C-alpha atoms as a PDB file:
ATOM      1  CA  MET A   1     -11.114  50.867 -38.470  1.00  0.00           C
ATOM      2  CA  PHE A   2      -8.598  49.115 -40.769  1.00  0.00           C
ATOM      3  CA  ARG A   3     -10.623  47.505 -43.547  1.00  0.00           C
ATOM      4  CA  GLY A   4      -7.800  45.919 -45.547  1.00  0.00           C
ATOM      5  CA  GLY A   5      -9.382  46.412 -48.947  1.00  0.00           C
ATOM      6  CA  THR A   6     -11.257  48.877 -51.144  1.00  0.00           C
ATOM      7  CA  THR A   7     -10.972  50.053 -54.726  1.00  0.00           C
ATOM      8  CA  GLY A   8      -8.235  52.231 -56.192  1.00  0.00           C
ATOM      9  CA  LEU A   9      -4.543  52.565 -55.448  1.00  0.00           C
ATOM     10  CA  PHE A  10      -4.821  51.750 -51.757  1.00  0.00           C
ATOM     11  CA  ASP A  11      -6.659  48.466 -52.310  1.00  0.00           C
ATOM     12  CA  LEU A  12      -4.386  45.911 -50.636  1.00  0.00           C
ATOM     13  CA  ARG A  13      -5.600  43.119 -52.858  1.00  0.00           C
ATOM     14  CA  PRO A  14      -3.841  42.521 -56.215  1.00  0.00           C
ATOM     15  CA  LYS A  15      -5.061  44.892 -58.895  1.00  0.00           C
ATOM     16  CA  THR A  16      -6.948  43.525 -61.900  1.00  0.00           C
ATOM     17  CA  ARG A  17      -7.648  46.676 -63.937  1.00  0.00           C
ATOM     18  CA  ARG A  18      -5.079  48.759 -65.802  1.00  0.00           C
ATOM     19  CA  GLU A  19      -6.594  51.974 -64.428  1.00  0.00           C
ATOM     20  CA  ASP A  20      -5.822  50.818 -60.861  1.00  0.00           C
ATOM     21  CA  LEU A  21      -2.220  49.906 -61.706  1.00  0.00           C
ATOM     22  CA  PHE A  22       0.142  52.801 -61.090  1.00  0.00           C
ATOM     23  CA  ASP A  23       3.218  53.481 -63.221  1.00  0.00           C
ATOM     24  CA  ARG A  24       3.575  50.035 -64.785  1.00  0.00           C
ATOM     25  CA  GLU A  25       3.066  50.897 -68.463  1.00  0.00           C
ATOM     26  CA  ARG A  26       6.648  49.922 -69.276  1.00  0.00           C
ATOM     27  CA  GLU A  27       6.333  46.487 -67.677  1.00  0.00           C
ATOM     28  CA  LEU A  28       2.959  45.839 -69.331  1.00  0.00           C
ATOM     29  CA  GLU A  29       4.418  46.823 -72.703  1.00  0.00           C
ATOM     30  CA  LEU A  30       7.363  44.462 -72.170  1.00  0.00           C
ATOM     31  CA  LEU A  31       5.015  41.590 -71.337  1.00  0.00           C
ATOM     32  CA  HIS A  32       2.834  42.255 -74.378  1.00  0.00           C
ATOM     33  CA  ARG A  33       5.923  42.474 -76.553  1.00  0.00           C
ATOM     34  CA  GLY A  34       7.290  39.195 -75.228  1.00  0.00           C
ATOM     35  CA  VAL A  35       4.020  37.345 -75.813  1.00  0.00           C
ATOM     36  CA  GLU A  36       3.429  38.898 -79.246  1.00  0.00           C
ATOM     37  CA  ARG A  37       6.902  37.855 -80.317  1.00  0.00           C
ATOM     38  CA  GLY A  38       6.103  34.298 -79.312  1.00  0.00           C
ATOM     39  CA  TYR A  39       8.565  33.801 -76.466  1.00  0.00           C
ATOM     40  CA  PRO A  40       7.746  30.386 -74.980  1.00  0.00           C
ATOM     41  CA  MET A  41       9.063  31.271 -71.502  1.00  0.00           C
ATOM     42  CA  ILE A  42       9.034  34.629 -69.709  1.00  0.00           C
ATOM     43  CA  ALA A  43      10.360  35.293 -66.204  1.00  0.00           C
ATOM     44  CA  VAL A  44       8.908  38.163 -64.154  1.00  0.00           C
ATOM     45  CA  LEU A  45      11.269  39.120 -61.328  1.00  0.00           C
ATOM     46  CA  GLY A  46      11.205  41.647 -58.516  1.00  0.00           C
ATOM     47  CA  VAL A  47      11.553  42.078 -54.762  1.00  0.00           C
ATOM     48  CA  ARG A  48       8.748  41.238 -52.352  1.00  0.00           C
ATOM     49  CA  ARG A  49       5.662  43.483 -52.505  1.00  0.00           C
ATOM     50  CA  VAL A  50       6.857  45.284 -55.612  1.00  0.00           C
ATOM     51  CA  GLY A  51       3.576  44.505 -57.393  1.00  0.00           C
ATOM     52  CA  LYS A  52       4.333  41.506 -59.620  1.00  0.00           C
ATOM     53  CA  THR A  53       1.009  39.798 -58.926  1.00  0.00           C
ATOM     54  CA  SER A  54      -0.971  42.961 -59.709  1.00  0.00           C
ATOM     55  CA  LEU A  55       0.995  43.413 -62.932  1.00  0.00           C
ATOM     56  CA  LEU A  56       0.323  39.829 -64.001  1.00  0.00           C
ATOM     57  CA  ARG A  57      -3.380  39.888 -63.149  1.00  0.00           C
ATOM     58  CA  VAL A  58      -3.873  43.102 -65.106  1.00  0.00           C
ATOM     59  CA  PHE A  59      -1.919  41.622 -68.007  1.00  0.00           C
ATOM     60  CA  LEU A  60      -4.081  38.478 -68.021  1.00  0.00           C
ATOM     61  CA  ASN A  61      -7.163  40.652 -68.358  1.00  0.00           C
ATOM     62  CA  GLU A  62      -5.699  41.826 -71.658  1.00  0.00           C
ATOM     63  CA  VAL A  63      -4.668  38.452 -73.110  1.00  0.00           C
ATOM     64  CA  ASP A  64      -6.021  34.891 -73.077  1.00  0.00           C
ATOM     65  CA  GLY A  65      -4.621  32.795 -70.268  1.00  0.00           C
ATOM     66  CA  LEU A  66      -4.601  31.490 -66.715  1.00  0.00           C
ATOM     67  CA  TYR A  67      -3.168  32.717 -63.432  1.00  0.00           C
ATOM     68  CA  VAL A  68      -2.037  30.003 -60.997  1.00  0.00           C
ATOM     69  CA  ASP A  69      -0.766  30.852 -57.512  1.00  0.00           C
ATOM     70  CA  MET A  70       1.734  28.062 -56.833  1.00  0.00           C
ATOM     71  CA  ARG A  71       1.912  28.602 -53.079  1.00  0.00           C
ATOM     72  CA  GLY A  72       0.605  25.483 -51.364  1.00  0.00           C
ATOM     73  CA  VAL A  73       0.973  23.377 -54.513  1.00  0.00           C
ATOM     74  CA  TYR A  74       2.905  20.306 -53.377  1.00  0.00           C
ATOM     75  CA  ARG A  75       1.463  17.432 -55.429  1.00  0.00           C
ATOM     76  CA  ARG A  76       0.228  16.946 -58.955  1.00  0.00           C
ATOM     77  CA  GLY A  77      -3.332  16.843 -57.636  1.00  0.00           C
ATOM     78  CA  ASP A  78      -2.885  20.297 -56.087  1.00  0.00           C
ATOM     79  CA  LEU A  79      -1.770  21.701 -59.434  1.00  0.00           C
ATOM     80  CA  GLU A  80      -4.592  20.024 -61.322  1.00  0.00           C
ATOM     81  CA  ALA A  81      -7.150  21.407 -58.872  1.00  0.00           C
ATOM     82  CA  LYS A  82      -5.753  24.930 -59.228  1.00  0.00           C
ATOM     83  CA  LEU A  83      -5.719  24.685 -63.016  1.00  0.00           C
ATOM     84  CA  THR A  84      -9.345  23.539 -63.049  1.00  0.00           C
ATOM     85  CA  GLU A  85     -10.322  26.381 -60.730  1.00  0.00           C
ATOM     86  CA  ALA A  86      -8.456  28.891 -62.909  1.00  0.00           C
ATOM     87  CA  PHE A  87     -10.214  27.672 -66.054  1.00  0.00           C
ATOM     88  CA  GLU A  88     -13.592  27.907 -64.345  1.00  0.00           C
ATOM     89  CA  SER A  89     -12.996  31.439 -63.041  1.00  0.00           C
ATOM     90  CA  SER A  90     -12.157  32.602 -66.584  1.00  0.00           C
ATOM     91  CA  LEU A  91     -14.555  30.360 -68.473  1.00  0.00           C
ATOM     92  CA  THR A  92     -16.403  33.199 -70.214  1.00  0.00           C
ATOM     93  CA  ARG A  93     -13.183  34.238 -71.955  1.00  0.00           C
ATOM     94  CA  LEU A  94     -11.557  30.809 -72.335  1.00  0.00           C
ATOM     95  CA  ARG A  95     -14.476  28.571 -73.285  1.00  0.00           C
ATOM     96  CA  ARG A  96     -13.362  28.322 -76.926  1.00  0.00           C
ATOM     97  CA  PHE A  97     -10.025  26.809 -75.863  1.00  0.00           C
ATOM     98  CA  LEU A  98     -11.726  23.970 -73.949  1.00  0.00           C
ATOM     99  CA  GLU A  99     -14.774  23.060 -76.022  1.00  0.00           C
ATOM    100  CA  GLY A 100     -14.417  19.687 -77.675  1.00  0.00           C
ATOM    101  CA  VAL A 101     -11.367  18.611 -75.673  1.00  0.00           C
ATOM    102  CA  ARG A 102     -11.555  15.013 -74.477  1.00  0.00           C
ATOM    103  CA  GLY A 103     -11.635  14.846 -70.698  1.00  0.00           C
ATOM    104  CA  VAL A 104     -13.119  18.332 -70.327  1.00  0.00           C
ATOM    105  CA  GLU A 105     -16.808  18.819 -69.541  1.00  0.00           C
ATOM    106  CA  ILE A 106     -18.426  22.258 -69.575  1.00  0.00           C
ATOM    107  CA  SER A 107     -21.827  22.791 -68.019  1.00  0.00           C
ATOM    108  CA  GLY A 108     -23.039  26.377 -67.817  1.00  0.00           C
ATOM    109  CA  LEU A 109     -20.288  28.271 -66.014  1.00  0.00           C
ATOM    110  CA  SER A 110     -18.629  25.224 -64.471  1.00  0.00           C
ATOM    111  CA  VAL A 111     -15.752  23.098 -65.760  1.00  0.00           C
ATOM    112  CA  GLN A 112     -14.795  19.564 -64.884  1.00  0.00           C
ATOM    113  CA  VAL A 113     -11.447  18.219 -66.060  1.00  0.00           C
ATOM    114  CA  ARG A 114     -10.897  14.472 -65.840  1.00  0.00           C
ATOM    115  CA  TRP A 115      -7.182  14.248 -65.138  1.00  0.00           C
ATOM    116  CA  ARG A 116      -7.087  10.465 -64.571  1.00  0.00           C
ATOM    117  CA  GLY A 117      -8.853   7.314 -65.672  1.00  0.00           C
ATOM    118  CA  ARG A 118     -10.906   6.637 -68.744  1.00  0.00           C
ATOM    119  CA  ASP A 119     -11.326   9.479 -71.232  1.00  0.00           C
ATOM    120  CA  SER A 120      -8.943  11.646 -69.203  1.00  0.00           C
ATOM    121  CA  VAL A 121      -6.502  14.296 -70.334  1.00  0.00           C
ATOM    122  CA  SER A 122      -2.990  15.029 -69.079  1.00  0.00           C
ATOM    123  CA  LEU A 123      -1.651  18.551 -68.688  1.00  0.00           C
ATOM    124  CA  VAL A 124       0.566  18.039 -71.738  1.00  0.00           C
ATOM    125  CA  GLY A 125      -2.434  16.700 -73.653  1.00  0.00           C
ATOM    126  CA  LEU A 126      -4.569  19.671 -72.645  1.00  0.00           C
ATOM    127  CA  LEU A 127      -1.869  22.137 -73.666  1.00  0.00           C
ATOM    128  CA  THR A 128      -1.499  20.327 -76.990  1.00  0.00           C
ATOM    129  CA  GLU A 129      -5.233  20.712 -77.653  1.00  0.00           C
ATOM    130  CA  ILE A 130      -5.168  24.391 -76.681  1.00  0.00           C
ATOM    131  CA  ASN A 131      -2.190  24.907 -78.981  1.00  0.00           C
ATOM    132  CA  LYS A 132      -4.263  23.594 -81.906  1.00  0.00           C
ATOM    133  CA  ARG A 133      -6.572  26.623 -81.598  1.00  0.00           C
ATOM    134  CA  ARG A 134      -3.728  28.634 -83.149  1.00  0.00           C
ATOM    135  CA  GLU A 135      -4.200  31.518 -80.735  1.00  0.00           C
ATOM    136  CA  ARG A 136      -1.647  32.681 -78.213  1.00  0.00           C
ATOM    137  CA  PHE A 137      -2.370  31.258 -74.737  1.00  0.00           C
ATOM    138  CA  VAL A 138      -0.541  32.337 -71.581  1.00  0.00           C
ATOM    139  CA  ILE A 139      -0.090  30.375 -68.355  1.00  0.00           C
ATOM    140  CA  VAL A 140       1.204  32.368 -65.385  1.00  0.00           C
ATOM    141  CA  LEU A 141       2.809  30.374 -62.570  1.00  0.00           C
ATOM    142  CA  ASP A 142       3.258  32.793 -59.674  1.00  0.00           C
ATOM    143  CA  GLU A 143       5.702  31.906 -56.858  1.00  0.00           C
ATOM    144  CA  ALA A 144       6.673  28.829 -58.856  1.00  0.00           C
ATOM    145  CA  GLN A 145       9.878  28.438 -56.837  1.00  0.00           C
ATOM    146  CA  SER A 146       7.791  27.151 -53.919  1.00  0.00           C
ATOM    147  CA  THR A 147       7.196  23.790 -55.650  1.00  0.00           C
ATOM    148  CA  ARG A 148       9.335  20.816 -54.650  1.00  0.00           C
ATOM    149  CA  PRO A 149      10.313  17.485 -56.262  1.00  0.00           C
ATOM    150  CA  PRO A 150       8.896  15.434 -57.778  1.00  0.00           C
ATOM    151  CA  LEU A 151       6.258  17.987 -58.863  1.00  0.00           C
ATOM    152  CA  SER A 152       8.839  20.681 -59.707  1.00  0.00           C
ATOM    153  CA  TYR A 153      10.650  18.280 -62.042  1.00  0.00           C
ATOM    154  CA  GLU A 154       7.386  17.206 -63.708  1.00  0.00           C
ATOM    155  CA  LEU A 155       6.410  20.835 -64.143  1.00  0.00           C
ATOM    156  CA  LYS A 156       9.733  21.748 -65.731  1.00  0.00           C
ATOM    157  CA  ASN A 157       9.406  18.793 -68.089  1.00  0.00           C
ATOM    158  CA  THR A 158       5.973  20.074 -69.108  1.00  0.00           C
ATOM    159  CA  ILE A 159       7.326  23.589 -69.703  1.00  0.00           C
ATOM    160  CA  ALA A 160      10.240  22.146 -71.702  1.00  0.00           C
ATOM    161  CA  PHE A 161       7.825  20.099 -73.859  1.00  0.00           C
ATOM    162  CA  SER A 162       5.721  23.190 -74.466  1.00  0.00           C
ATOM    163  CA  TYR A 163       8.836  25.239 -75.239  1.00  0.00           C
ATOM    164  CA  ASP A 164       9.972  22.728 -77.881  1.00  0.00           C
ATOM    165  CA  ASN A 165       6.642  21.714 -79.415  1.00  0.00           C
ATOM    166  CA  LEU A 166       3.782  24.131 -78.723  1.00  0.00           C
ATOM    167  CA  ASP A 167       4.257  27.335 -80.702  1.00  0.00           C
ATOM    168  CA  ASN A 168       1.176  29.090 -79.313  1.00  0.00           C
ATOM    169  CA  ILE A 169       1.777  28.551 -75.586  1.00  0.00           C
ATOM    170  CA  THR A 170       3.712  30.980 -73.384  1.00  0.00           C
ATOM    171  CA  PHE A 171       4.604  30.197 -69.775  1.00  0.00           C
ATOM    172  CA  ILE A 172       5.227  33.182 -67.487  1.00  0.00           C
ATOM    173  CA  ILE A 173       7.154  32.208 -64.368  1.00  0.00           C
ATOM    174  CA  ALA A 174       7.116  34.761 -61.546  1.00  0.00           C
ATOM    175  CA  GLY A 175       8.407  34.995 -58.005  1.00  0.00           C
ATOM    176  CA  SER A 176       9.779  37.276 -55.312  1.00  0.00           C
ATOM    177  CA  GLU A 177      12.539  34.863 -54.261  1.00  0.00           C
ATOM    178  CA  VAL A 178      14.568  35.711 -57.352  1.00  0.00           C
ATOM    179  CA  GLY A 179      17.479  33.360 -56.760  1.00  0.00           C
ATOM    180  CA  MET A 180      15.161  30.501 -55.845  1.00  0.00           C
ATOM    181  CA  LEU A 181      13.106  31.152 -58.980  1.00  0.00           C
ATOM    182  CA  ARG A 182      16.177  31.038 -61.204  1.00  0.00           C
ATOM    183  CA  ASP A 183      17.224  27.813 -59.459  1.00  0.00           C
ATOM    184  CA  PHE A 184      13.741  26.411 -60.096  1.00  0.00           C
ATOM    185  CA  MET A 185      13.917  27.150 -63.823  1.00  0.00           C
ATOM    186  CA  GLY A 186      17.504  25.950 -64.021  1.00  0.00           C
ATOM    187  CA  TYR A 187      18.173  27.190 -67.530  1.00  0.00           C
ATOM    188  CA  GLU A 188      21.867  27.332 -66.585  1.00  0.00           C
ATOM    189  CA  ASN A 189      21.843  23.930 -64.836  1.00  0.00           C
ATOM    190  CA  PRO A 190      22.719  20.958 -67.097  1.00  0.00           C
ATOM    191  CA  SER A 191      20.515  18.650 -64.972  1.00  0.00           C
ATOM    192  CA  SER A 192      17.377  20.792 -65.495  1.00  0.00           C
ATOM    193  CA  PRO A 193      14.878  19.994 -68.269  1.00  0.00           C
ATOM    194  CA  LEU A 194      14.980  23.732 -69.091  1.00  0.00           C
ATOM    195  CA  TYR A 195      18.766  23.901 -69.426  1.00  0.00           C
ATOM    196  CA  GLY A 196      19.983  26.000 -72.333  1.00  0.00           C
ATOM    197  CA  ARG A 197      16.604  27.449 -73.240  1.00  0.00           C
ATOM    198  CA  GLY A 198      16.335  31.172 -73.638  1.00  0.00           C
ATOM    199  CA  VAL A 199      14.126  33.140 -71.281  1.00  0.00           C
ATOM    200  CA  TYR A 200      12.725  36.646 -71.710  1.00  0.00           C
ATOM    201  CA  GLU A 201      13.070  38.480 -68.399  1.00  0.00           C
ATOM    202  CA  VAL A 202      10.912  41.352 -67.182  1.00  0.00           C
ATOM    203  CA  VAL A 203      12.189  43.001 -63.999  1.00  0.00           C
ATOM    204  CA  VAL A 204       9.610  44.922 -61.946  1.00  0.00           C
ATOM    205  CA  GLU A 205      11.470  47.789 -60.306  1.00  0.00           C
ATOM    206  CA  ARG A 206      10.547  49.677 -57.149  1.00  0.00           C
ATOM    207  CA  PHE A 207       9.181  53.203 -57.523  1.00  0.00           C
ATOM    208  CA  THR A 208      11.494  56.203 -57.552  1.00  0.00           C
ATOM    209  CA  PRO A 209      10.975  58.730 -54.730  1.00  0.00           C
ATOM    210  CA  GLU A 210       9.113  60.953 -57.189  1.00  0.00           C
ATOM    211  CA  SER A 211       6.825  58.089 -58.284  1.00  0.00           C
ATOM    212  CA  SER A 212       6.275  57.050 -54.649  1.00  0.00           C
ATOM    213  CA  ARG A 213       5.201  60.570 -53.770  1.00  0.00           C
ATOM    214  CA  GLU A 214       2.903  60.752 -56.796  1.00  0.00           C
ATOM    215  CA  PHE A 215       1.410  57.341 -55.929  1.00  0.00           C
ATOM    216  CA  LEU A 216       0.570  58.458 -52.399  1.00  0.00           C
ATOM    217  CA  GLU A 217      -0.772  61.835 -53.438  1.00  0.00           C
ATOM    218  CA  LYS A 218      -3.001  60.302 -56.108  1.00  0.00           C
ATOM    219  CA  GLY A 219      -4.222  57.589 -53.727  1.00  0.00           C
ATOM    220  CA  PHE A 220      -5.090  60.144 -51.046  1.00  0.00           C
ATOM    221  CA  ARG A 221      -6.936  62.285 -53.600  1.00  0.00           C
ATOM    222  CA  GLU A 222      -9.022  59.241 -54.530  1.00  0.00           C
ATOM    223  CA  GLU A 223      -9.932  58.868 -50.858  1.00  0.00           C
ATOM    224  CA  GLY A 224     -10.560  62.581 -50.273  1.00  0.00           C
ATOM    225  CA  VAL A 225      -7.795  62.766 -47.657  1.00  0.00           C
ATOM    226  CA  GLU A 226      -4.927  65.261 -47.487  1.00  0.00           C
ATOM    227  CA  PRO A 227      -2.142  64.252 -45.074  1.00  0.00           C
ATOM    228  CA  PRO A 228       0.527  66.768 -44.034  1.00  0.00           C
ATOM    229  CA  THR A 229       3.450  66.961 -46.450  1.00  0.00           C
ATOM    230  CA  ASP A 230       5.923  65.828 -43.803  1.00  0.00           C
ATOM    231  CA  VAL A 231       3.970  62.598 -43.230  1.00  0.00           C
ATOM    232  CA  ILE A 232       4.089  61.776 -46.940  1.00  0.00           C
ATOM    233  CA  GLU A 233       7.795  62.568 -47.081  1.00  0.00           C
ATOM    234  CA  GLU A 234       8.483  60.322 -44.086  1.00  0.00           C
ATOM    235  CA  ALA A 235       6.625  57.463 -45.765  1.00  0.00           C
ATOM    236  CA  VAL A 236       8.427  58.009 -49.083  1.00  0.00           C
ATOM    237  CA  ASP A 237      11.792  57.958 -47.327  1.00  0.00           C
ATOM    238  CA  PHE A 238      11.240  54.902 -45.147  1.00  0.00           C
ATOM    239  CA  LEU A 239       9.184  52.682 -47.486  1.00  0.00           C
ATOM    240  CA  ASP A 240      11.787  53.054 -50.236  1.00  0.00           C
ATOM    241  CA  GLY A 241       9.594  52.673 -53.309  1.00  0.00           C
ATOM    242  CA  ILE A 242       7.962  49.339 -52.429  1.00  0.00           C
ATOM    243  CA  PRO A 243       4.367  49.647 -53.737  1.00  0.00           C
ATOM    244  CA  GLY A 244       2.946  47.097 -51.306  1.00  0.00           C
ATOM    245  CA  TRP A 245       4.208  49.006 -48.282  1.00  0.00           C
ATOM    246  CA  LEU A 246       3.135  52.362 -49.762  1.00  0.00           C
ATOM    247  CA  ALA A 247      -0.398  51.045 -50.290  1.00  0.00           C
ATOM    248  CA  TYR A 248      -0.388  49.586 -46.777  1.00  0.00           C
ATOM    249  CA  PHE A 249       0.580  52.962 -45.325  1.00  0.00           C
ATOM    250  CA  GLY A 250      -2.080  54.754 -47.389  1.00  0.00           C
ATOM    251  CA  ARG A 251      -4.798  52.307 -46.423  1.00  0.00           C
ATOM    252  CA  ARG A 252      -3.987  52.492 -42.715  1.00  0.00           C
ATOM    253  CA  TYR A 253      -3.824  56.295 -42.781  1.00  0.00           C
ATOM    254  CA  VAL A 254      -7.146  56.622 -44.632  1.00  0.00           C
ATOM    255  CA  ASP A 255      -8.766  54.178 -42.209  1.00  0.00           C
ATOM    256  CA  GLY A 256      -7.924  56.434 -39.288  1.00  0.00           C
ATOM    257  CA  GLU A 257      -4.389  55.688 -38.107  1.00  0.00           C
ATOM    258  CA  LYS A 258      -2.633  59.065 -38.406  1.00  0.00           C
ATOM    259  CA  ASP A 259       0.618  58.281 -36.582  1.00  0.00           C
ATOM    260  CA  PHE A 260       3.298  57.168 -39.049  1.00  0.00           C
ATOM    261  CA  ASN A 261       5.361  55.379 -36.396  1.00  0.00           C
ATOM    262  CA  THR A 262       2.381  53.197 -35.497  1.00  0.00           C
ATOM    263  CA  ILE A 263       1.883  52.269 -39.151  1.00  0.00           C
ATOM    264  CA  LYS A 264       5.617  51.673 -39.589  1.00  0.00           C
ATOM    265  CA  ASN A 265       5.710  49.352 -36.594  1.00  0.00           C
ATOM    266  CA  ALA A 266       2.732  47.415 -37.923  1.00  0.00           C
ATOM    267  CA  ALA A 267       4.544  46.888 -41.243  1.00  0.00           C
ATOM    268  CA  ILE A 268       7.702  45.823 -39.402  1.00  0.00           C
ATOM    269  CA  ALA A 269       5.633  43.319 -37.390  1.00  0.00           C
ATOM    270  CA  ILE A 270       4.422  41.733 -40.650  1.00  0.00           C
ATOM    271  CA  ALA A 271       7.996  41.392 -41.895  1.00  0.00           C
ATOM    272  CA  LEU A 272       9.143  40.120 -38.491  1.00  0.00           C
ATOM    273  CA  ASP A 273       6.557  37.349 -38.629  1.00  0.00           C
ATOM    274  CA  GLU A 274       7.948  36.255 -42.009  1.00  0.00           C
ATOM    275  CA  LEU A 275      11.566  36.335 -40.807  1.00  0.00           C
ATOM    276  CA  SER A 276      10.667  34.323 -37.706  1.00  0.00           C
ATOM    277  CA  LYS A 277      10.182  31.283 -39.953  1.00  0.00           C
ATOM    278  CA  LEU A 278      13.866  31.237 -40.923  1.00  0.00           C
ATOM    279  CA  SER A 279      16.460  29.046 -39.233  1.00  0.00           C
ATOM    280  CA  VAL A 280      18.367  30.312 -36.186  1.00  0.00           C
ATOM    281  CA  ARG A 281      21.590  30.724 -38.152  1.00  0.00           C
ATOM    282  CA  GLU A 282      19.849  32.590 -40.973  1.00  0.00           C
ATOM    283  CA  LYS A 283      18.388  34.926 -38.362  1.00  0.00           C
ATOM    284  CA  LEU A 284      21.867  35.459 -36.911  1.00  0.00           C
ATOM    285  CA  VAL A 285      23.145  36.524 -40.317  1.00  0.00           C
ATOM    286  CA  LEU A 286      20.259  38.973 -40.733  1.00  0.00           C
ATOM    287  CA  LYS A 287      20.812  40.340 -37.227  1.00  0.00           C
ATOM    288  CA  ALA A 288      24.453  40.965 -38.078  1.00  0.00           C
ATOM    289  CA  LEU A 289      23.583  42.736 -41.321  1.00  0.00           C
ATOM    290  CA  ALA A 290      20.935  44.831 -39.566  1.00  0.00           C
ATOM    291  CA  ASN A 291      23.717  45.962 -37.212  1.00  0.00           C
ATOM    292  CA  ASN A 292      25.804  47.181 -40.142  1.00  0.00           C
ATOM    293  CA  ALA A 293      28.018  44.190 -40.859  1.00  0.00           C
ATOM    294  CA  LYS A 294      29.162  44.801 -44.445  1.00  0.00           C
ATOM    295  CA  SER A 295      31.234  41.736 -45.289  1.00  0.00           C
ATOM    296  CA  TRP A 296      31.543  38.024 -44.675  1.00  0.00           C
ATOM    297  CA  SER A 297      34.187  38.575 -41.970  1.00  0.00           C
ATOM    298  CA  GLN A 298      32.111  41.247 -40.216  1.00  0.00           C
ATOM    299  CA  VAL A 299      29.085  38.926 -40.161  1.00  0.00           C
ATOM    300  CA  ARG A 300      31.241  36.132 -38.724  1.00  0.00           C
ATOM    301  CA  ASP A 301      32.762  38.424 -36.093  1.00  0.00           C
ATOM    302  CA  TYR A 302      29.364  39.805 -35.023  1.00  0.00           C
ATOM    303  CA  ILE A 303      27.907  36.340 -34.529  1.00  0.00           C
ATOM    304  CA  LEU A 304      30.957  35.192 -32.581  1.00  0.00           C
ATOM    305  CA  GLU A 305      31.062  38.301 -30.372  1.00  0.00           C
ATOM    306  CA  LYS A 306      27.334  38.621 -29.650  1.00  0.00           C
ATOM    307  CA  HIS A 307      26.327  34.962 -29.553  1.00  0.00           C
ATOM    308  CA  GLY A 308      29.553  33.047 -28.981  1.00  0.00           C
ATOM    309  CA  LEU A 309      29.014  30.940 -32.072  1.00  0.00           C
ATOM    310  CA  ALA A 310      31.882  30.313 -34.504  1.00  0.00           C
ATOM    311  CA  LEU A 311      30.425  29.337 -37.876  1.00  0.00           C
ATOM    312  CA  PRO A 312      32.625  27.528 -40.417  1.00  0.00           C
ATOM    313  CA  LYS A 313      33.261  29.501 -43.591  1.00  0.00           C
ATOM    314  CA  SER A 314      31.256  27.114 -45.786  1.00  0.00           C
ATOM    315  CA  THR A 315      28.292  27.131 -43.403  1.00  0.00           C
ATOM    316  CA  LEU A 316      28.145  30.909 -43.135  1.00  0.00           C
ATOM    317  CA  SER A 317      28.532  31.340 -46.891  1.00  0.00           C
ATOM    318  CA  ARG A 318      25.690  28.887 -47.469  1.00  0.00           C
ATOM    319  CA  HIS A 319      23.344  30.859 -45.207  1.00  0.00           C
ATOM    320  CA  ILE A 320      24.243  34.172 -46.853  1.00  0.00           C
ATOM    321  CA  ASN A 321      23.663  32.650 -50.267  1.00  0.00           C
ATOM    322  CA  LYS A 322      20.285  31.275 -49.156  1.00  0.00           C
ATOM    323  CA  LEU A 323      19.158  34.710 -47.909  1.00  0.00           C
ATOM    324  CA  GLU A 324      20.188  36.263 -51.215  1.00  0.00           C
ATOM    325  CA  LYS A 325      18.186  33.676 -53.128  1.00  0.00           C
ATOM    326  CA  LEU A 326      15.194  34.386 -50.915  1.00  0.00           C
ATOM    327  CA  GLY A 327      15.355  37.995 -52.085  1.00  0.00           C
ATOM    328  CA  ILE A 328      15.939  39.471 -48.623  1.00  0.00           C
ATOM    329  CA  ILE A 329      19.518  40.705 -49.097  1.00  0.00           C
ATOM    330  CA  ARG A 330      22.013  41.382 -51.862  1.00  0.00           C
ATOM    331  CA  ASN A 331      25.713  42.139 -51.426  1.00  0.00           C
ATOM    332  CA  TYR A 332      25.286  42.332 -47.629  1.00  0.00           C
ATOM    333  CA  GLU A 333      22.514  44.925 -47.932  1.00  0.00           C
ATOM    334  CA  PHE A 334      18.807  44.552 -47.256  1.00  0.00           C
ATOM    335  CA  LEU A 335      16.579  45.010 -50.283  1.00  0.00           C
ATOM    336  CA  ASP A 336      13.794  46.479 -48.134  1.00  0.00           C
ATOM    337  CA  ARG A 337      14.215  48.822 -45.138  1.00  0.00           C
ATOM    338  CA  VAL A 338      11.170  47.321 -43.446  1.00  0.00           C
ATOM    339  CA  TYR A 339      12.909  43.938 -43.361  1.00  0.00           C
ATOM    340  CA  LYS A 340      16.097  45.525 -42.035  1.00  0.00           C
ATOM    341  CA  GLU A 341      14.166  47.006 -39.125  1.00  0.00           C
ATOM    342  CA  ALA A 342      12.415  43.671 -38.580  1.00  0.00           C
ATOM    343  CA  ALA A 343      15.760  41.831 -38.557  1.00  0.00           C
ATOM    344  CA  ASN A 344      17.080  44.234 -35.960  1.00  0.00           C
ATOM    345  CA  ARG A 345      14.174  43.282 -33.694  1.00  0.00           C
ATOM    346  CA  LEU A 346      14.670  39.531 -34.020  1.00  0.00           C
ATOM    347  CA  ILE A 347      14.946  37.771 -30.684  1.00  0.00           C
ATOM    348  CA  ILE A 348      17.275  34.819 -31.162  1.00  0.00           C
ATOM    349  CA  LYS A 349      17.841  32.015 -28.715  1.00  0.00           C
ATOM    350  CA  THR A 350      21.049  30.100 -29.440  1.00  0.00           C
END
């Protein structure tokens, strides 16, 4: 039976311990170096399921700070609730940063932050108080590109204030939709509060074939399972160094599913569900690319021939650009073979 979680390399939940994090010493060292050097803003970038969240959670177990998953954060109240929850979950380590701050009440292992009204504290005010402790404090905003105005603008203003005034605060901004994340930060956009500010980037790369093989072999040894060599090689070839998919394959195999094609199809179904949320025209572009269109004109011709739809140049270019920013494609190539297979199976009604 597929359990979906355990300990070790094939745990499908984000890792929290360095010993469970495979082959990310370089990225951890880069993060530590960036924080120790006092960079006020760090961007962590990488394709979907490459392990950014695991990297960041392990890192936060080695420094003082908060992890905030920004998915589902649409209003200021959502952010404030998540911040309060994050402080409470790490209260044992972070108590000294909160004690004595107006608007913050600590009772046992619970925290209450009064964000509005009398004797309240704003996020900027709270960060200012934390900064006075003269210890480095890290705030990780994962999938930050999912926020929308006016919250996104308020958040960028807060990060800009911290960047300019709070020497002991580091914001780490992470996301799998790389183009969207860079748009969110806007450090090259004159209208963004973060325009012109330097950012220290850490790119989380996919595993090499050798590392993928080692990851699987080590994970199977932990589980006391020894798959045939050809099954491991098939997984290494198809899953293309994406740690999330490699762990998914390992977990499914250990839990009793021995047929690689069945596991592969289950992974493709997950990706297909994600792609189904895109617009019809974005799906058409992906379908064209999955059928080996390699240029703007080939994408246009495929859509016209197969679906009878003639897209204006500006419209088609906009959709291609959007898919690149979402981190699904780059230069007319899929960044993940699982998503290419999923795109090929899209059923599109035009």
